[in-house]
């Protein structure tokens, strides 16, 4: 059974249909990629799945057998579905460890204070932030480390599924390679990952299935190499056409 089921989801802003009848499944334990040109509805899709800041106008979103399209963002997160955002989000004047603790405290199940601290420490270790840096404030970190901290805070929530919105944006090539390894380590923990990214090599390196959106509609869905070879995807996503 799919961990996430999206069925006929639609979202409009006035006369603009940002999402038009979107359907797909994500299996437990997989890394599922989402691609598409700017304005294709990728981030809006994450918004309606998580109800942050809005849900769908129509359609059904089912997480682990529970309909969530009418639940609040807080309730959805506590069910085990966490997300990150395109920009590095953190509490700048809190320390690295305090940021991770926010995720540990927000976990959907009860934990002792000792368990919360252990979870925060484990998440920071996972993303490669050394213990000697736990006392730094978040605004002292580089772009890459802030992204790592955002991931650690989400992982500390002990989610069953993690939605990542453009985790490679603004990173150098070596940092992108490091991010690929980090996402693999997160998936190895049994966390199902759904990620939006413009960097095709990033998606191809990680994804078992790839969804391509265009103008709010599903353009292609399937095994990544087959999807990328689809002429409609080449035209819409890469912006190229065959001569003649």
C-alpha atoms as a PDB file:
ATOM      1  CA  UNK A   1       0.000   0.000   0.000  1.00  0.00           C
ATOM      2  CA  UNK A   2       1.216   3.510  -0.835  1.00  0.00           C
ATOM      3  CA  UNK A   3       2.312   5.679   2.081  1.00  0.00           C
ATOM      4  CA  UNK A   4       1.092   8.812   0.270  1.00  0.00           C
ATOM      5  CA  UNK A   5      -1.801   8.880  -2.191  1.00  0.00           C
ATOM      6  CA  UNK A   6      -2.714  12.069  -4.052  1.00  0.00           C
ATOM      7  CA  UNK A   7      -5.963  11.825  -5.993  1.00  0.00           C
ATOM      8  CA  UNK A   8      -7.352  14.426  -8.422  1.00  0.00           C
ATOM      9  CA  UNK A   9      -5.952  17.338  -6.430  1.00  0.00           C
ATOM     10  CA  UNK A  10      -6.814  20.777  -7.758  1.00  0.00           C
ATOM     11  CA  UNK A  11      -5.848  24.238  -6.503  1.00  0.00           C
ATOM     12  CA  UNK A  12      -6.792  27.530  -8.137  1.00  0.00           C
ATOM     13  CA  UNK A  13      -5.953  31.147  -7.417  1.00  0.00           C
ATOM     14  CA  UNK A  14      -8.711  33.101  -9.083  1.00  0.00           C
ATOM     15  CA  UNK A  15      -8.768  32.057 -12.733  1.00  0.00           C
ATOM     16  CA  UNK A  16      -5.299  30.466 -12.529  1.00  0.00           C
ATOM     17  CA  UNK A  17      -5.247  26.704 -11.949  1.00  0.00           C
ATOM     18  CA  UNK A  18      -1.976  26.124 -10.131  1.00  0.00           C
ATOM     19  CA  UNK A  19      -2.759  22.385  -9.846  1.00  0.00           C
ATOM     20  CA  UNK A  20      -5.167  20.629 -12.183  1.00  0.00           C
ATOM     21  CA  UNK A  21      -6.311  17.110 -11.315  1.00  0.00           C
ATOM     22  CA  UNK A  22      -2.988  15.811  -9.954  1.00  0.00           C
ATOM     23  CA  UNK A  23      -2.738  12.118  -8.984  1.00  0.00           C
ATOM     24  CA  UNK A  24       0.222   9.944  -7.933  1.00  0.00           C
ATOM     25  CA  UNK A  25       1.359   7.466  -5.258  1.00  0.00           C
ATOM     26  CA  UNK A  26       4.536   7.305  -3.179  1.00  0.00           C
ATOM     27  CA  UNK A  27       5.567   3.909  -1.811  1.00  0.00           C
ATOM     28  CA  UNK A  28       7.039   3.442   1.680  1.00  0.00           C
ATOM     29  CA  UNK A  29      10.825   3.772   1.745  1.00  0.00           C
ATOM     30  CA  UNK A  30      11.314   5.238  -1.716  1.00  0.00           C
ATOM     31  CA  UNK A  31      12.833   8.510  -2.903  1.00  0.00           C
ATOM     32  CA  UNK A  32      10.302  10.161  -5.205  1.00  0.00           C
ATOM     33  CA  UNK A  33      11.383  13.098  -7.378  1.00  0.00           C
ATOM     34  CA  UNK A  34       9.314  15.994  -8.696  1.00  0.00           C
ATOM     35  CA  UNK A  35      10.537  18.191 -11.545  1.00  0.00           C
ATOM     36  CA  UNK A  36       9.138  20.839 -13.866  1.00  0.00           C
ATOM     37  CA  UNK A  37       9.757  24.351 -15.174  1.00  0.00           C
ATOM     38  CA  UNK A  38       9.238  27.432 -13.003  1.00  0.00           C
ATOM     39  CA  UNK A  39       5.562  28.016 -12.274  1.00  0.00           C
ATOM     40  CA  UNK A  40       4.567  24.410 -12.947  1.00  0.00           C
ATOM     41  CA  UNK A  41       3.004  23.955  -9.490  1.00  0.00           C
ATOM     42  CA  UNK A  42       5.715  22.023  -7.648  1.00  0.00           C
ATOM     43  CA  UNK A  43       5.836  24.044  -4.427  1.00  0.00           C
ATOM     44  CA  UNK A  44       2.059  24.549  -4.513  1.00  0.00           C
ATOM     45  CA  UNK A  45       1.764  20.746  -4.511  1.00  0.00           C
ATOM     46  CA  UNK A  46       3.826  20.537  -1.310  1.00  0.00           C
ATOM     47  CA  UNK A  47       1.695  23.302   0.183  1.00  0.00           C
ATOM     48  CA  UNK A  48      -1.587  21.476  -0.407  1.00  0.00           C
ATOM     49  CA  UNK A  49      -0.212  18.118   0.784  1.00  0.00           C
ATOM     50  CA  UNK A  50       0.935  19.624   4.100  1.00  0.00           C
ATOM     51  CA  UNK A  51      -1.769  22.318   4.454  1.00  0.00           C
ATOM     52  CA  UNK A  52       1.018  24.902   4.821  1.00  0.00           C
ATOM     53  CA  UNK A  53      -0.356  27.451   4.205  1.00  0.00           C
ATOM     54  CA  UNK A  54      -3.413  26.021   2.395  1.00  0.00           C
ATOM     55  CA  UNK A  55      -5.037  22.749   1.381  1.00  0.00           C
ATOM     56  CA  UNK A  56      -6.500  21.733  -1.995  1.00  0.00           C
ATOM     57  CA  UNK A  57      -9.751  23.086  -3.412  1.00  0.00           C
ATOM     58  CA  UNK A  58     -10.719  19.601  -4.521  1.00  0.00           C
ATOM     59  CA  UNK A  59      -9.282  16.102  -4.402  1.00  0.00           C
ATOM     60  CA  UNK A  60      -7.995  13.721  -1.792  1.00  0.00           C
ATOM     61  CA  UNK A  61      -4.665  13.398   0.020  1.00  0.00           C
ATOM     62  CA  UNK A  62      -4.177  10.185   2.010  1.00  0.00           C
ATOM     63  CA  UNK A  63      -1.163   9.642   4.285  1.00  0.00           C
ATOM     64  CA  UNK A  64      -0.707   6.210   5.827  1.00  0.00           C
ATOM     65  CA  UNK A  65      -4.370   5.422   5.232  1.00  0.00           C
ATOM     66  CA  UNK A  66      -5.673   8.670   6.774  1.00  0.00           C
ATOM     67  CA  UNK A  67      -7.305  11.451   4.749  1.00  0.00           C
ATOM     68  CA  UNK A  68      -5.415  14.646   5.564  1.00  0.00           C
ATOM     69  CA  UNK A  69      -6.658  17.240   3.056  1.00  0.00           C
ATOM     70  CA  UNK A  70      -8.874  18.868   5.700  1.00  0.00           C
ATOM     71  CA  UNK A  71      -6.435  18.581   8.605  1.00  0.00           C
ATOM     72  CA  UNK A  72      -4.265  21.419   9.894  1.00  0.00           C
ATOM     73  CA  UNK A  73      -0.573  21.620   9.133  1.00  0.00           C
ATOM     74  CA  UNK A  74       0.209  20.879  12.784  1.00  0.00           C
ATOM     75  CA  UNK A  75      -1.927  17.738  12.804  1.00  0.00           C
ATOM     76  CA  UNK A  76      -0.363  16.537   9.546  1.00  0.00           C
ATOM     77  CA  UNK A  77       3.163  17.045  10.909  1.00  0.00           C
ATOM     78  CA  UNK A  78       2.289  15.104  14.051  1.00  0.00           C
ATOM     79  CA  UNK A  79       1.105  12.200  11.896  1.00  0.00           C
ATOM     80  CA  UNK A  80       4.688  11.923  10.641  1.00  0.00           C
ATOM     81  CA  UNK A  81       4.763  14.039   7.473  1.00  0.00           C
ATOM     82  CA  UNK A  82       7.398  16.803   7.667  1.00  0.00           C
ATOM     83  CA  UNK A  83       8.675  19.279   5.073  1.00  0.00           C
ATOM     84  CA  UNK A  84      11.432  21.766   4.363  1.00  0.00           C
ATOM     85  CA  UNK A  85      11.245  24.939   2.284  1.00  0.00           C
ATOM     86  CA  UNK A  86      13.121  26.474  -0.650  1.00  0.00           C
ATOM     87  CA  UNK A  87      14.787  29.072   1.574  1.00  0.00           C
ATOM     88  CA  UNK A  88      16.871  28.046   4.551  1.00  0.00           C
ATOM     89  CA  UNK A  89      14.485  28.382   7.483  1.00  0.00           C
ATOM     90  CA  UNK A  90      15.722  28.482  11.070  1.00  0.00           C
ATOM     91  CA  UNK A  91      15.447  30.502  14.240  1.00  0.00           C
ATOM     92  CA  UNK A  92      18.487  32.666  13.600  1.00  0.00           C
ATOM     93  CA  UNK A  93      19.194  33.749  17.172  1.00  0.00           C
ATOM     94  CA  UNK A  94      18.739  30.285  18.647  1.00  0.00           C
ATOM     95  CA  UNK A  95      21.667  27.902  18.740  1.00  0.00           C
ATOM     96  CA  UNK A  96      22.112  25.000  16.357  1.00  0.00           C
ATOM     97  CA  UNK A  97      21.127  22.589  19.115  1.00  0.00           C
ATOM     98  CA  UNK A  98      18.086  24.644  20.143  1.00  0.00           C
ATOM     99  CA  UNK A  99      16.849  24.609  16.554  1.00  0.00           C
ATOM    100  CA  UNK A 100      17.148  20.821  16.377  1.00  0.00           C
ATOM    101  CA  UNK A 101      15.409  20.531  19.749  1.00  0.00           C
ATOM    102  CA  UNK A 102      12.367  22.320  18.325  1.00  0.00           C
ATOM    103  CA  UNK A 103      11.928  19.423  15.905  1.00  0.00           C
ATOM    104  CA  UNK A 104      12.535  16.860  18.648  1.00  0.00           C
ATOM    105  CA  UNK A 105       9.911  18.433  20.908  1.00  0.00           C
ATOM    106  CA  UNK A 106       7.428  18.711  18.030  1.00  0.00           C
ATOM    107  CA  UNK A 107       7.510  14.959  17.399  1.00  0.00           C
ATOM    108  CA  UNK A 108       4.073  13.361  17.128  1.00  0.00           C
ATOM    109  CA  UNK A 109       4.724  10.966  20.003  1.00  0.00           C
ATOM    110  CA  UNK A 110       5.575  11.710  23.605  1.00  0.00           C
ATOM    111  CA  UNK A 111       9.248  11.773  24.533  1.00  0.00           C
ATOM    112  CA  UNK A 112      11.128  12.429  27.738  1.00  0.00           C
ATOM    113  CA  UNK A 113      13.473  15.423  27.792  1.00  0.00           C
ATOM    114  CA  UNK A 114      16.390  13.006  27.608  1.00  0.00           C
ATOM    115  CA  UNK A 115      14.922  11.346  24.525  1.00  0.00           C
ATOM    116  CA  UNK A 116      14.369  14.749  22.924  1.00  0.00           C
ATOM    117  CA  UNK A 117      17.990  15.749  23.470  1.00  0.00           C
ATOM    118  CA  UNK A 118      19.187  12.398  22.149  1.00  0.00           C
ATOM    119  CA  UNK A 119      17.037  12.788  19.025  1.00  0.00           C
ATOM    120  CA  UNK A 120      18.303  16.322  18.382  1.00  0.00           C
ATOM    121  CA  UNK A 121      21.925  15.222  18.819  1.00  0.00           C
ATOM    122  CA  UNK A 122      21.443  12.212  16.558  1.00  0.00           C
ATOM    123  CA  UNK A 123      19.838  14.334  13.812  1.00  0.00           C
ATOM    124  CA  UNK A 124      22.664  16.878  13.903  1.00  0.00           C
ATOM    125  CA  UNK A 125      25.248  14.091  13.755  1.00  0.00           C
ATOM    126  CA  UNK A 126      23.416  12.597  10.773  1.00  0.00           C
ATOM    127  CA  UNK A 127      23.696  15.813   8.739  1.00  0.00           C
ATOM    128  CA  UNK A 128      27.352  16.273   9.656  1.00  0.00           C
ATOM    129  CA  UNK A 129      27.192  19.195  12.090  1.00  0.00           C
ATOM    130  CA  UNK A 130      29.914  18.636  14.668  1.00  0.00           C
ATOM    131  CA  UNK A 131      29.142  18.782  18.392  1.00  0.00           C
ATOM    132  CA  UNK A 132      31.559  21.686  18.875  1.00  0.00           C
ATOM    133  CA  UNK A 133      29.240  23.792  16.683  1.00  0.00           C
ATOM    134  CA  UNK A 134      26.043  23.004  18.603  1.00  0.00           C
ATOM    135  CA  UNK A 135      26.370  26.262  20.562  1.00  0.00           C
ATOM    136  CA  UNK A 136      26.655  28.500  17.496  1.00  0.00           C
ATOM    137  CA  UNK A 137      23.644  30.586  16.548  1.00  0.00           C
ATOM    138  CA  UNK A 138      21.974  29.621  13.280  1.00  0.00           C
ATOM    139  CA  UNK A 139      22.780  32.964  11.638  1.00  0.00           C
ATOM    140  CA  UNK A 140      26.502  32.148  11.934  1.00  0.00           C
ATOM    141  CA  UNK A 141      26.179  29.184   9.561  1.00  0.00           C
ATOM    142  CA  UNK A 142      26.900  29.012   5.832  1.00  0.00           C
ATOM    143  CA  UNK A 143      24.076  28.437   3.337  1.00  0.00           C
ATOM    144  CA  UNK A 144      24.957  24.740   3.136  1.00  0.00           C
ATOM    145  CA  UNK A 145      25.082  24.300   6.908  1.00  0.00           C
ATOM    146  CA  UNK A 146      21.783  26.153   7.321  1.00  0.00           C
ATOM    147  CA  UNK A 147      20.234  23.691   4.875  1.00  0.00           C
ATOM    148  CA  UNK A 148      21.736  20.857   6.900  1.00  0.00           C
ATOM    149  CA  UNK A 149      20.300  22.371  10.089  1.00  0.00           C
ATOM    150  CA  UNK A 150      16.857  22.633   8.455  1.00  0.00           C
ATOM    151  CA  UNK A 151      17.105  18.943   7.556  1.00  0.00           C
ATOM    152  CA  UNK A 152      18.257  18.011  11.047  1.00  0.00           C
ATOM    153  CA  UNK A 153      15.323  19.854  12.620  1.00  0.00           C
ATOM    154  CA  UNK A 154      12.924  17.949  10.359  1.00  0.00           C
ATOM    155  CA  UNK A 155      14.620  14.589  10.988  1.00  0.00           C
ATOM    156  CA  UNK A 156      14.496  15.205  14.753  1.00  0.00           C
ATOM    157  CA  UNK A 157      10.690  15.113  14.429  1.00  0.00           C
ATOM    158  CA  UNK A 158      11.035  11.401  13.547  1.00  0.00           C
ATOM    159  CA  UNK A 159       8.900  11.700  10.400  1.00  0.00           C
ATOM    160  CA  UNK A 160       7.790   8.754   8.294  1.00  0.00           C
ATOM    161  CA  UNK A 161       7.911  10.970   5.198  1.00  0.00           C
ATOM    162  CA  UNK A 162       9.995  14.067   4.468  1.00  0.00           C
ATOM    163  CA  UNK A 163       9.168  16.538   1.678  1.00  0.00           C
ATOM    164  CA  UNK A 164      12.232  18.480   0.490  1.00  0.00           C
ATOM    165  CA  UNK A 165      11.692  21.628  -1.596  1.00  0.00           C
ATOM    166  CA  UNK A 166      14.773  22.317  -3.762  1.00  0.00           C
ATOM    167  CA  UNK A 167      17.415  21.128  -1.273  1.00  0.00           C
ATOM    168  CA  UNK A 168      20.239  21.781  -3.778  1.00  0.00           C
ATOM    169  CA  UNK A 169      19.362  25.405  -4.605  1.00  0.00           C
ATOM    170  CA  UNK A 170      22.190  27.860  -4.009  1.00  0.00           C
ATOM    171  CA  UNK A 171      24.785  25.140  -3.431  1.00  0.00           C
ATOM    172  CA  UNK A 172      28.148  24.567  -5.088  1.00  0.00           C
ATOM    173  CA  UNK A 173      28.834  21.356  -7.013  1.00  0.00           C
ATOM    174  CA  UNK A 174      30.738  19.723  -4.098  1.00  0.00           C
ATOM    175  CA  UNK A 175      27.923  20.741  -1.730  1.00  0.00           C
ATOM    176  CA  UNK A 176      25.347  19.215  -4.090  1.00  0.00           C
ATOM    177  CA  UNK A 177      27.307  15.945  -4.012  1.00  0.00           C
ATOM    178  CA  UNK A 178      27.338  16.077  -0.223  1.00  0.00           C
ATOM    179  CA  UNK A 179      23.578  16.701  -0.201  1.00  0.00           C
ATOM    180  CA  UNK A 180      22.989  13.624  -2.360  1.00  0.00           C
ATOM    181  CA  UNK A 181      24.847  11.497   0.186  1.00  0.00           C
ATOM    182  CA  UNK A 182      22.955  13.103   3.049  1.00  0.00           C
ATOM    183  CA  UNK A 183      19.539  12.414   1.515  1.00  0.00           C
ATOM    184  CA  UNK A 184      20.563   8.811   0.915  1.00  0.00           C
ATOM    185  CA  UNK A 185      21.502   8.490   4.582  1.00  0.00           C
ATOM    186  CA  UNK A 186      18.126   9.885   5.599  1.00  0.00           C
ATOM    187  CA  UNK A 187      16.353   7.395   3.307  1.00  0.00           C
ATOM    188  CA  UNK A 188      18.438   4.547   4.736  1.00  0.00           C
ATOM    189  CA  UNK A 189      16.797   5.274   8.076  1.00  0.00           C
ATOM    190  CA  UNK A 190      13.465   4.261   6.599  1.00  0.00           C
ATOM    191  CA  UNK A 191      12.230   7.802   5.997  1.00  0.00           C
ATOM    192  CA  UNK A 192      10.354   8.101   2.708  1.00  0.00           C
ATOM    193  CA  UNK A 193      11.607  11.150   0.778  1.00  0.00           C
ATOM    194  CA  UNK A 194       9.765  13.274  -1.770  1.00  0.00           C
ATOM    195  CA  UNK A 195      11.928  15.984  -3.301  1.00  0.00           C
ATOM    196  CA  UNK A 196      11.494  18.891  -5.683  1.00  0.00           C
ATOM    197  CA  UNK A 197      14.586  19.936  -7.575  1.00  0.00           C
ATOM    198  CA  UNK A 198      15.650  21.802 -10.715  1.00  0.00           C
ATOM    199  CA  UNK A 199      19.040  20.048 -10.843  1.00  0.00           C
ATOM    200  CA  UNK A 200      18.301  17.024 -13.027  1.00  0.00           C
ATOM    201  CA  UNK A 201      21.485  15.172 -12.076  1.00  0.00           C
ATOM    202  CA  UNK A 202      20.382  15.468  -8.447  1.00  0.00           C
ATOM    203  CA  UNK A 203      16.978  13.921  -9.194  1.00  0.00           C
ATOM    204  CA  UNK A 204      18.440  11.219 -11.423  1.00  0.00           C
ATOM    205  CA  UNK A 205      20.968  10.244  -8.752  1.00  0.00           C
ATOM    206  CA  UNK A 206      18.343   9.768  -6.076  1.00  0.00           C
ATOM    207  CA  UNK A 207      14.855   9.071  -7.410  1.00  0.00           C
ATOM    208  CA  UNK A 208      13.189   5.714  -7.944  1.00  0.00           C
ATOM    209  CA  UNK A 209      10.228   7.438  -9.596  1.00  0.00           C
ATOM    210  CA  UNK A 210       9.970  10.865 -11.189  1.00  0.00           C
ATOM    211  CA  UNK A 211       6.929  13.099 -11.655  1.00  0.00           C
ATOM    212  CA  UNK A 212       7.138  16.024 -14.075  1.00  0.00           C
ATOM    213  CA  UNK A 213       4.616  18.845 -13.820  1.00  0.00           C
ATOM    214  CA  UNK A 214       3.893  21.473 -16.454  1.00  0.00           C
ATOM    215  CA  UNK A 215       1.367  24.280 -16.109  1.00  0.00           C
ATOM    216  CA  UNK A 216      -0.183  22.584 -13.111  1.00  0.00           C
ATOM    217  CA  UNK A 217      -0.721  19.225 -14.799  1.00  0.00           C
ATOM    218  CA  UNK A 218       1.046  15.855 -14.758  1.00  0.00           C
ATOM    219  CA  UNK A 219       3.212  15.755 -17.869  1.00  0.00           C
ATOM    220  CA  UNK A 220       4.995  12.462 -17.175  1.00  0.00           C
ATOM    221  CA  UNK A 221       5.358   9.939 -14.370  1.00  0.00           C
ATOM    222  CA  UNK A 222       7.491   6.829 -14.109  1.00  0.00           C
ATOM    223  CA  UNK A 223      11.059   5.530 -14.064  1.00  0.00           C
ATOM    224  CA  UNK A 224      13.389   8.558 -14.213  1.00  0.00           C
ATOM    225  CA  UNK A 225      15.352   7.699 -17.360  1.00  0.00           C
ATOM    226  CA  UNK A 226      12.178   6.986 -19.310  1.00  0.00           C
ATOM    227  CA  UNK A 227      10.581  10.198 -18.074  1.00  0.00           C
ATOM    228  CA  UNK A 228      13.579  12.366 -18.965  1.00  0.00           C
ATOM    229  CA  UNK A 229      13.671  10.832 -22.460  1.00  0.00           C
ATOM    230  CA  UNK A 230      10.022  11.746 -23.109  1.00  0.00           C
ATOM    231  CA  UNK A 231       9.931  14.389 -25.902  1.00  0.00           C
ATOM    232  CA  UNK A 232       7.221  16.322 -24.044  1.00  0.00           C
ATOM    233  CA  UNK A 233       9.480  16.574 -21.000  1.00  0.00           C
ATOM    234  CA  UNK A 234      12.467  17.629 -23.096  1.00  0.00           C
ATOM    235  CA  UNK A 235      10.385  20.418 -24.637  1.00  0.00           C
ATOM    236  CA  UNK A 236       8.666  21.601 -21.456  1.00  0.00           C
ATOM    237  CA  UNK A 237      11.412  21.145 -18.891  1.00  0.00           C
ATOM    238  CA  UNK A 238      14.559  21.678 -20.931  1.00  0.00           C
ATOM    239  CA  UNK A 239      12.991  24.150 -23.335  1.00  0.00           C
ATOM    240  CA  UNK A 240      14.207  22.479 -26.544  1.00  0.00           C
ATOM    241  CA  UNK A 241      12.360  21.442 -29.658  1.00  0.00           C
ATOM    242  CA  UNK A 242      13.296  19.204 -32.544  1.00  0.00           C
ATOM    243  CA  UNK A 243      14.067  21.091 -35.748  1.00  0.00           C
ATOM    244  CA  UNK A 244      11.322  21.107 -38.382  1.00  0.00           C
END
